[in-house]
Amino acid sequence: MLEACENLVSFVMLANPLEFADWLALVYSGFAAAKFASMAFSTLLVLVSLAVSGVGRMTGRPALG
């Protein structure tokens, strides 16, 4: 969803690349930063889940469910 919003703002900026409003650059950067943060958070969650799974296997505890 963040990618789509970022692309939408990009298309608006590309419609008039020499004279778009300055605030559009801030909106575009905000969507890009939020997208990067969500990707970093997702990667962190994957690493944490792998670590927890590895610890669970090493201690012999059963999986959830």
PDB file of N, CA and C in Angstrom:
ATOM      1  N   MET A   1       0.815  -1.187   0.000  1.00  0.00           N
ATOM      2  CA  MET A   1       0.000   0.000   0.000  1.00  0.00           C
ATOM      3  C   MET A   1       0.866   1.262   0.000  1.00  0.00           C
ATOM      4  N   LEU A   2       1.945   1.213   0.781  1.00  0.00           N
ATOM      5  CA  LEU A   2       2.846   2.373   0.807  1.00  0.00           C
ATOM      6  C   LEU A   2       3.503   2.580  -0.552  1.00  0.00           C
ATOM      7  N   GLU A   3       3.815   1.487  -1.220  1.00  0.00           N
ATOM      8  CA  GLU A   3       4.416   1.576  -2.559  1.00  0.00           C
ATOM      9  C   GLU A   3       3.458   2.249  -3.535  1.00  0.00           C
ATOM     10  N   ALA A   4       2.194   1.886  -3.461  1.00  0.00           N
ATOM     11  CA  ALA A   4       1.201   2.486  -4.355  1.00  0.00           C
ATOM     12  C   ALA A   4       1.049   3.980  -4.082  1.00  0.00           C
ATOM     13  N   CYS A   5       1.029   4.355  -2.820  1.00  0.00           N
ATOM     14  CA  CYS A   5       0.924   5.779  -2.482  1.00  0.00           C
ATOM     15  C   CYS A   5       2.164   6.538  -2.937  1.00  0.00           C
ATOM     16  N   GLU A   6       3.321   5.939  -2.745  1.00  0.00           N
ATOM     17  CA  GLU A   6       4.565   6.571  -3.195  1.00  0.00           C
ATOM     18  C   GLU A   6       4.557   6.757  -4.711  1.00  0.00           C
ATOM     19  N   ASN A   7       4.112   5.740  -5.427  1.00  0.00           N
ATOM     20  CA  ASN A   7       4.046   5.838  -6.887  1.00  0.00           C
ATOM     21  C   ASN A   7       3.027   6.880  -7.339  1.00  0.00           C
ATOM     22  N   LEU A   8       1.906   6.969  -6.654  1.00  0.00           N
ATOM     23  CA  LEU A   8       0.896   7.964  -7.004  1.00  0.00           C
ATOM     24  C   LEU A   8       1.453   9.382  -6.863  1.00  0.00           C
ATOM     25  N   VAL A   9       2.133   9.641  -5.763  1.00  0.00           N
ATOM     26  CA  VAL A   9       2.744  10.959  -5.572  1.00  0.00           C
ATOM     27  C   VAL A   9       3.822  11.192  -6.622  1.00  0.00           C
ATOM     28  N   SER A  10       4.564  10.156  -6.959  1.00  0.00           N
ATOM     29  CA  SER A  10       5.598  10.272  -7.989  1.00  0.00           C
ATOM     30  C   SER A  10       4.990  10.643  -9.337  1.00  0.00           C
ATOM     31  N   PHE A  11       3.875  10.028  -9.682  1.00  0.00           N
ATOM     32  CA  PHE A  11       3.216  10.354 -10.952  1.00  0.00           C
ATOM     33  C   PHE A  11       2.719  11.799 -10.959  1.00  0.00           C
ATOM     34  N   VAL A  12       2.218  12.268  -9.823  1.00  0.00           N
ATOM     35  CA  VAL A  12       1.781  13.665  -9.730  1.00  0.00           C
ATOM     36  C   VAL A  12       2.976  14.593  -9.924  1.00  0.00           C
ATOM     37  N   MET A  13       4.102  14.236  -9.329  1.00  0.00           N
ATOM     38  CA  MET A  13       5.302  15.059  -9.474  1.00  0.00           C
ATOM     39  C   MET A  13       5.834  15.019 -10.903  1.00  0.00           C
ATOM     40  N   LEU A  14       5.730  13.876 -11.557  1.00  0.00           N
ATOM     41  CA  LEU A  14       6.230  13.751 -12.928  1.00  0.00           C
ATOM     42  C   LEU A  14       5.361  14.485 -13.943  1.00  0.00           C
ATOM     43  N   ALA A  15       4.134  14.787 -13.580  1.00  0.00           N
ATOM     44  CA  ALA A  15       3.263  15.520 -14.496  1.00  0.00           C
ATOM     45  C   ALA A  15       3.821  16.908 -14.785  1.00  0.00           C
ATOM     46  N   ASN A  16       4.522  17.464 -13.824  1.00  0.00           N
ATOM     47  CA  ASN A  16       5.140  18.778 -14.000  1.00  0.00           C
ATOM     48  C   ASN A  16       6.464  18.781 -13.226  1.00  0.00           C
ATOM     49  N   PRO A  17       7.495  18.134 -13.768  1.00  0.00           N
ATOM     50  CA  PRO A  17       8.717  17.897 -12.994  1.00  0.00           C
ATOM     51  C   PRO A  17       9.506  19.151 -12.623  1.00  0.00           C
ATOM     52  N   LEU A  18       9.324  20.235 -13.337  1.00  0.00           N
ATOM     53  CA  LEU A  18      10.104  21.438 -13.046  1.00  0.00           C
ATOM     54  C   LEU A  18       9.435  22.374 -12.051  1.00  0.00           C
ATOM     55  N   GLU A  19       8.127  22.210 -11.864  1.00  0.00           N
ATOM     56  CA  GLU A  19       7.411  23.175 -11.026  1.00  0.00           C
ATOM     57  C   GLU A  19       6.434  22.535 -10.044  1.00  0.00           C
ATOM     58  N   PHE A  20       6.684  21.307  -9.593  1.00  0.00           N
ATOM     59  CA  PHE A  20       5.760  20.725  -8.616  1.00  0.00           C
ATOM     60  C   PHE A  20       5.968  21.399  -7.258  1.00  0.00           C
ATOM     61  N   ALA A  21       4.944  21.340  -6.437  1.00  0.00           N
ATOM     62  CA  ALA A  21       4.986  21.995  -5.126  1.00  0.00           C
ATOM     63  C   ALA A  21       6.021  21.328  -4.223  1.00  0.00           C
ATOM     64  N   ASP A  22       6.694  22.134  -3.429  1.00  0.00           N
ATOM     65  CA  ASP A  22       7.740  21.620  -2.543  1.00  0.00           C
ATOM     66  C   ASP A  22       7.201  20.613  -1.532  1.00  0.00           C
ATOM     67  N   TRP A  23       5.967  20.821  -1.088  1.00  0.00           N
ATOM     68  CA  TRP A  23       5.414  19.921  -0.086  1.00  0.00           C
ATOM     69  C   TRP A  23       5.204  18.513  -0.637  1.00  0.00           C
ATOM     70  N   LEU A  24       5.093  18.374  -1.969  1.00  0.00           N
ATOM     71  CA  LEU A  24       4.953  17.034  -2.554  1.00  0.00           C
ATOM     72  C   LEU A  24       6.208  16.203  -2.332  1.00  0.00           C
ATOM     73  N   ALA A  25       7.363  16.851  -2.337  1.00  0.00           N
ATOM     74  CA  ALA A  25       8.605  16.127  -2.077  1.00  0.00           C
ATOM     75  C   ALA A  25       8.614  15.560  -0.661  1.00  0.00           C
ATOM     76  N   LEU A  26       8.068  16.303   0.286  1.00  0.00           N
ATOM     77  CA  LEU A  26       7.994  15.816   1.665  1.00  0.00           C
ATOM     78  C   LEU A  26       7.037  14.636   1.789  1.00  0.00           C
ATOM     79  N   VAL A  27       5.907  14.717   1.097  1.00  0.00           N
ATOM     80  CA  VAL A  27       4.947  13.607   1.115  1.00  0.00           C
ATOM     81  C   VAL A  27       5.575  12.365   0.491  1.00  0.00           C
ATOM     82  N   TYR A  28       6.249  12.557  -0.645  1.00  0.00           N
ATOM     83  CA  TYR A  28       6.913  11.443  -1.325  1.00  0.00           C
ATOM     84  C   TYR A  28       7.964  10.812  -0.411  1.00  0.00           C
ATOM     85  N   SER A  29       8.776  11.639   0.217  1.00  0.00           N
ATOM     86  CA  SER A  29       9.814  11.133   1.116  1.00  0.00           C
ATOM     87  C   SER A  29       9.209  10.431   2.324  1.00  0.00           C
ATOM     88  N   GLY A  30       8.097  10.937   2.801  1.00  0.00           N
ATOM     89  CA  GLY A  30       7.426  10.294   3.927  1.00  0.00           C
ATOM     90  C   GLY A  30       6.951   8.894   3.590  1.00  0.00           C
ATOM     91  N   PHE A  31       6.347   8.739   2.408  1.00  0.00           N
ATOM     92  CA  PHE A  31       5.917   7.403   1.993  1.00  0.00           C
ATOM     93  C   PHE A  31       7.112   6.478   1.784  1.00  0.00           C
ATOM     94  N   ALA A  32       8.193   7.000   1.210  1.00  0.00           N
ATOM     95  CA  ALA A  32       9.389   6.182   0.994  1.00  0.00           C
ATOM     96  C   ALA A  32      10.000   5.753   2.326  1.00  0.00           C
ATOM     97  N   ALA A  33      10.065   6.666   3.281  1.00  0.00           N
ATOM     98  CA  ALA A  33      10.620   6.336   4.594  1.00  0.00           C
ATOM     99  C   ALA A  33       9.742   5.327   5.330  1.00  0.00           C
ATOM    100  N   ALA A  34       8.429   5.497   5.241  1.00  0.00           N
ATOM    101  CA  ALA A  34       7.511   4.550   5.888  1.00  0.00           C
ATOM    102  C   ALA A  34       7.624   3.172   5.255  1.00  0.00           C
ATOM    103  N   LYS A  35       7.784   3.135   3.935  1.00  0.00           N
ATOM    104  CA  LYS A  35       7.949   1.851   3.242  1.00  0.00           C
ATOM    105  C   LYS A  35       9.234   1.166   3.698  1.00  0.00           C
ATOM    106  N   PHE A  36      10.320   1.924   3.771  1.00  0.00           N
ATOM    107  CA  PHE A  36      11.584   1.355   4.218  1.00  0.00           C
ATOM    108  C   PHE A  36      11.485   0.864   5.659  1.00  0.00           C
ATOM    109  N   ALA A  37      10.842   1.647   6.521  1.00  0.00           N
ATOM    110  CA  ALA A  37      10.690   1.246   7.920  1.00  0.00           C
ATOM    111  C   ALA A  37       9.866  -0.030   8.047  1.00  0.00           C
ATOM    112  N   SER A  38       8.816  -0.157   7.249  1.00  0.00           N
ATOM    113  CA  SER A  38       7.999  -1.374   7.317  1.00  0.00           C
ATOM    114  C   SER A  38       8.767  -2.586   6.805  1.00  0.00           C
ATOM    115  N   MET A  39       9.599  -2.386   5.788  1.00  0.00           N
ATOM    116  CA  MET A  39      10.420  -3.495   5.291  1.00  0.00           C
ATOM    117  C   MET A  39      11.467  -3.898   6.328  1.00  0.00           C
ATOM    118  N   ALA A  40      12.077  -2.926   6.992  1.00  0.00           N
ATOM    119  CA  ALA A  40      13.058  -3.225   8.033  1.00  0.00           C
ATOM    120  C   ALA A  40      12.392  -3.940   9.206  1.00  0.00           C
ATOM    121  N   PHE A  41      11.198  -3.496   9.589  1.00  0.00           N
ATOM    122  CA  PHE A  41      10.466  -4.131  10.683  1.00  0.00           C
ATOM    123  C   PHE A  41      10.090  -5.562  10.325  1.00  0.00           C
ATOM    124  N   SER A  42       9.674  -5.782   9.080  1.00  0.00           N
ATOM    125  CA  SER A  42       9.329  -7.131   8.625  1.00  0.00           C
ATOM    126  C   SER A  42      10.540  -8.048   8.683  1.00  0.00           C
ATOM    127  N   THR A  43      11.682  -7.540   8.246  1.00  0.00           N
ATOM    128  CA  THR A  43      12.911  -8.329   8.284  1.00  0.00           C
ATOM    129  C   THR A  43      13.282  -8.662   9.725  1.00  0.00           C
ATOM    130  N   LEU A  44      13.145  -7.691  10.612  1.00  0.00           N
ATOM    131  CA  LEU A  44      13.433  -7.928  12.021  1.00  0.00           C
ATOM    132  C   LEU A  44      12.508  -8.997  12.598  1.00  0.00           C
ATOM    133  N   LEU A  45      11.225  -8.949  12.248  1.00  0.00           N
ATOM    134  CA  LEU A  45      10.285  -9.961  12.738  1.00  0.00           C
ATOM    135  C   LEU A  45      10.637 -11.356  12.237  1.00  0.00           C
ATOM    136  N   VAL A  46      11.076 -11.459  10.990  1.00  0.00           N
ATOM    137  CA  VAL A  46      11.488 -12.758  10.451  1.00  0.00           C
ATOM    138  C   VAL A  46      12.690 -13.282  11.222  1.00  0.00           C
ATOM    139  N   LEU A  47      13.678 -12.423  11.469  1.00  0.00           N
ATOM    140  CA  LEU A  47      14.869 -12.851  12.201  1.00  0.00           C
ATOM    141  C   LEU A  47      14.533 -13.261  13.632  1.00  0.00           C
ATOM    142  N   VAL A  48      13.658 -12.511  14.285  1.00  0.00           N
ATOM    143  CA  VAL A  48      13.250 -12.864  15.649  1.00  0.00           C
ATOM    144  C   VAL A  48      12.500 -14.187  15.652  1.00  0.00           C
ATOM    145  N   SER A  49      11.621 -14.402  14.692  1.00  0.00           N
ATOM    146  CA  SER A  49      10.870 -15.662  14.655  1.00  0.00           C
ATOM    147  C   SER A  49      11.794 -16.844  14.381  1.00  0.00           C
ATOM    148  N   LEU A  50      12.801 -16.651  13.529  1.00  0.00           N
ATOM    149  CA  LEU A  50      13.770 -17.724  13.293  1.00  0.00           C
ATOM    150  C   LEU A  50      14.577 -18.023  14.552  1.00  0.00           C
ATOM    151  N   ALA A  51      14.969 -16.989  15.273  1.00  0.00           N
ATOM    152  CA  ALA A  51      15.723 -17.187  16.509  1.00  0.00           C
ATOM    153  C   ALA A  51      14.876 -17.899  17.557  1.00  0.00           C
ATOM    154  N   VAL A  52      13.636 -17.482  17.716  1.00  0.00           N
ATOM    155  CA  VAL A  52      12.749 -18.120  18.693  1.00  0.00           C
ATOM    156  C   VAL A  52      12.487 -19.569  18.306  1.00  0.00           C
ATOM    157  N   SER A  53      12.306 -19.820  17.026  1.00  0.00           N
ATOM    158  CA  SER A  53      12.094 -21.189  16.559  1.00  0.00           C
ATOM    159  C   SER A  53      13.328 -22.046  16.821  1.00  0.00           C
ATOM    160  N   GLY A  54      14.503 -21.490  16.567  1.00  0.00           N
ATOM    161  CA  GLY A  54      15.740 -22.236  16.820  1.00  0.00           C
ATOM    162  C   GLY A  54      15.926 -22.547  18.290  1.00  0.00           C
ATOM    163  N   VAL A  55      15.636 -21.583  19.145  1.00  0.00           N
ATOM    164  CA  VAL A  55      15.744 -21.815  20.589  1.00  0.00           C
ATOM    165  C   VAL A  55      14.734 -22.867  21.020  1.00  0.00           C
ATOM    166  N   GLY A  56      13.533 -22.804  20.482  1.00  0.00           N
ATOM    167  CA  GLY A  56      12.519 -23.801  20.818  1.00  0.00           C
ATOM    168  C   GLY A  56      12.927 -25.204  20.402  1.00  0.00           C
ATOM    169  N   ARG A  57      13.541 -25.323  19.244  1.00  0.00           N
ATOM    170  CA  ARG A  57      13.994 -26.644  18.792  1.00  0.00           C
ATOM    171  C   ARG A  57      15.158 -27.151  19.638  1.00  0.00           C
ATOM    172  N   MET A  58      16.048 -26.256  20.021  1.00  0.00           N
ATOM    173  CA  MET A  58      17.213 -26.678  20.805  1.00  0.00           C
ATOM    174  C   MET A  58      16.832 -27.073  22.222  1.00  0.00           C
ATOM    175  N   THR A  59      15.798 -26.471  22.776  1.00  0.00           N
ATOM    176  CA  THR A  59      15.374 -26.806  24.133  1.00  0.00           C
ATOM    177  C   THR A  59      14.344 -27.930  24.156  1.00  0.00           C
ATOM    178  N   GLY A  60      13.889 -28.358  22.992  1.00  0.00           N
ATOM    179  CA  GLY A  60      12.951 -29.468  22.921  1.00  0.00           C
ATOM    180  C   GLY A  60      11.524 -29.103  23.270  1.00  0.00           C
ATOM    181  N   ARG A  61      11.212 -27.835  23.275  1.00  0.00           N
ATOM    182  CA  ARG A  61       9.838 -27.431  23.574  1.00  0.00           C
ATOM    183  C   ARG A  61       8.976 -27.603  22.329  1.00  0.00           C
ATOM    184  N   PRO A  62       7.732 -27.993  22.506  1.00  0.00           N
ATOM    185  CA  PRO A  62       6.868 -28.183  21.334  1.00  0.00           C
ATOM    186  C   PRO A  62       6.513 -26.857  20.663  1.00  0.00           C
ATOM    187  N   ALA A  63       6.187 -26.959  19.406  1.00  0.00           N
ATOM    188  CA  ALA A  63       5.772 -25.776  18.652  1.00  0.00           C
ATOM    189  C   ALA A  63       4.368 -25.361  19.064  1.00  0.00           C
ATOM    190  N   LEU A  64       3.993 -24.174  18.702  1.00  0.00           N
ATOM    191  CA  LEU A  64       2.637 -23.712  18.991  1.00  0.00           C
ATOM    192  C   LEU A  64       1.623 -24.526  18.212  1.00  0.00           C
ATOM    193  N   GLY A  65       0.457 -24.696  18.785  1.00  0.00           N
ATOM    194  CA  GLY A  65      -0.630 -25.331  18.059  1.00  0.00           C
ATOM    195  C   GLY A  65      -0.901 -26.716  18.385  1.00  0.00           C
TER     196      GLY A  65
END
